């Protein structure tokens, strides 16, 4: 999961500080999420998924599909 959030951030060409500001946390805390030193709280996980336009399952590595299958 930690590689995924880093990859999503890098794909968006954003710094940790920029993402942290959007998520209303410090750059240090966000860095700890990316390194896996802190578990990502549900509200942050949801915020990351919404911001990057992916599912929480994608971030959690439960799926390789970024978007849910739409019928």
C-alpha atoms as a PDB file:
ATOM      1  CA  UNK A   1       0.000   0.000   0.000  1.00  0.00           C
ATOM      2  CA  UNK A   2       2.813   2.384   0.825  1.00  0.00           C
ATOM      3  CA  UNK A   3       4.395   2.051  -2.608  1.00  0.00           C
ATOM      4  CA  UNK A   4       1.022   2.756  -4.170  1.00  0.00           C
ATOM      5  CA  UNK A   5       0.459   6.049  -2.372  1.00  0.00           C
ATOM      6  CA  UNK A   6       3.979   7.161  -3.249  1.00  0.00           C
ATOM      7  CA  UNK A   7       3.480   6.160  -6.873  1.00  0.00           C
ATOM      8  CA  UNK A   8       0.143   7.983  -7.062  1.00  0.00           C
ATOM      9  CA  UNK A   9       1.721  11.120  -5.595  1.00  0.00           C
ATOM     10  CA  UNK A  10       4.659  10.969  -8.003  1.00  0.00           C
ATOM     11  CA  UNK A  11       2.324  10.345 -10.960  1.00  0.00           C
ATOM     12  CA  UNK A  12       0.480  13.526  -9.941  1.00  0.00           C
ATOM     13  CA  UNK A  13       3.876  15.308  -9.879  1.00  0.00           C
ATOM     14  CA  UNK A  14       3.301  16.475  -6.323  1.00  0.00           C
ATOM     15  CA  UNK A  15       5.507  16.743  -3.256  1.00  0.00           C
ATOM     16  CA  UNK A  16       4.747  15.159   0.084  1.00  0.00           C
ATOM     17  CA  UNK A  17       4.172  18.650   1.478  1.00  0.00           C
ATOM     18  CA  UNK A  18       1.547  19.409  -1.184  1.00  0.00           C
ATOM     19  CA  UNK A  19      -0.368  16.178  -0.527  1.00  0.00           C
ATOM     20  CA  UNK A  20      -0.077  16.677   3.226  1.00  0.00           C
ATOM     21  CA  UNK A  21      -1.624  20.140   2.913  1.00  0.00           C
ATOM     22  CA  UNK A  22      -4.561  18.727   0.952  1.00  0.00           C
ATOM     23  CA  UNK A  23      -5.039  16.017   3.584  1.00  0.00           C
ATOM     24  CA  UNK A  24      -4.655  18.521   6.432  1.00  0.00           C
ATOM     25  CA  UNK A  25      -1.680  16.775   8.021  1.00  0.00           C
ATOM     26  CA  UNK A  26       2.009  17.581   8.307  1.00  0.00           C
ATOM     27  CA  UNK A  27       4.582  16.583   5.703  1.00  0.00           C
ATOM     28  CA  UNK A  28       6.332  14.498   8.364  1.00  0.00           C
ATOM     29  CA  UNK A  29       3.169  12.530   9.126  1.00  0.00           C
ATOM     30  CA  UNK A  30       2.490  11.990   5.421  1.00  0.00           C
ATOM     31  CA  UNK A  31       6.081  10.840   4.941  1.00  0.00           C
ATOM     32  CA  UNK A  32       5.521   8.298   7.711  1.00  0.00           C
ATOM     33  CA  UNK A  33       2.468   6.999   5.821  1.00  0.00           C
ATOM     34  CA  UNK A  34       4.520   6.526   2.647  1.00  0.00           C
ATOM     35  CA  UNK A  35       7.285   4.730   4.531  1.00  0.00           C
ATOM     36  CA  UNK A  36       4.840   2.517   6.381  1.00  0.00           C
ATOM     37  CA  UNK A  37       5.912   3.851   9.769  1.00  0.00           C
ATOM     38  CA  UNK A  38       2.318   4.881  10.550  1.00  0.00           C
ATOM     39  CA  UNK A  39      -0.918   3.164   9.649  1.00  0.00           C
ATOM     40  CA  UNK A  40      -3.058   5.309   7.408  1.00  0.00           C
ATOM     41  CA  UNK A  41      -6.261   6.395   9.185  1.00  0.00           C
ATOM     42  CA  UNK A  42      -9.492   5.666   7.352  1.00  0.00           C
ATOM     43  CA  UNK A  43     -10.246   9.356   6.756  1.00  0.00           C
ATOM     44  CA  UNK A  44      -6.809   9.871   5.155  1.00  0.00           C
ATOM     45  CA  UNK A  45      -7.212   6.717   3.054  1.00  0.00           C
ATOM     46  CA  UNK A  46     -10.558   7.964   1.767  1.00  0.00           C
ATOM     47  CA  UNK A  47      -9.098  11.415   1.105  1.00  0.00           C
ATOM     48  CA  UNK A  48      -6.227   9.921  -0.884  1.00  0.00           C
ATOM     49  CA  UNK A  49      -8.594   7.762  -2.922  1.00  0.00           C
ATOM     50  CA  UNK A  50     -10.865  10.715  -3.727  1.00  0.00           C
ATOM     51  CA  UNK A  51      -7.986  13.016  -4.579  1.00  0.00           C
ATOM     52  CA  UNK A  52      -6.293  10.520  -6.901  1.00  0.00           C
ATOM     53  CA  UNK A  53      -9.561   9.213  -8.354  1.00  0.00           C
ATOM     54  CA  UNK A  54      -8.924   5.606  -7.350  1.00  0.00           C
ATOM     55  CA  UNK A  55     -10.637   3.124  -5.072  1.00  0.00           C
ATOM     56  CA  UNK A  56      -9.522   2.455  -1.529  1.00  0.00           C
ATOM     57  CA  UNK A  57      -9.151  -1.200  -2.596  1.00  0.00           C
ATOM     58  CA  UNK A  58      -6.555  -0.082  -5.129  1.00  0.00           C
ATOM     59  CA  UNK A  59      -4.567   1.782  -2.481  1.00  0.00           C
ATOM     60  CA  UNK A  60      -4.848  -1.170  -0.080  1.00  0.00           C
ATOM     61  CA  UNK A  61      -3.640  -3.508  -2.861  1.00  0.00           C
ATOM     62  CA  UNK A  62      -6.851  -5.515  -2.740  1.00  0.00           C
ATOM     63  CA  UNK A  63      -7.368  -4.778  -6.422  1.00  0.00           C
ATOM     64  CA  UNK A  64      -5.253  -3.746  -9.363  1.00  0.00           C
ATOM     65  CA  UNK A  65      -8.200  -1.861 -10.844  1.00  0.00           C
ATOM     66  CA  UNK A  66      -7.960   1.857 -10.136  1.00  0.00           C
ATOM     67  CA  UNK A  67     -11.669   2.389 -10.780  1.00  0.00           C
ATOM     68  CA  UNK A  68     -14.569   0.098  -9.899  1.00  0.00           C
ATOM     69  CA  UNK A  69     -16.118  -1.886 -12.697  1.00  0.00           C
ATOM     70  CA  UNK A  70     -19.111   0.070 -13.870  1.00  0.00           C
ATOM     71  CA  UNK A  71     -22.145  -1.728 -15.228  1.00  0.00           C
END
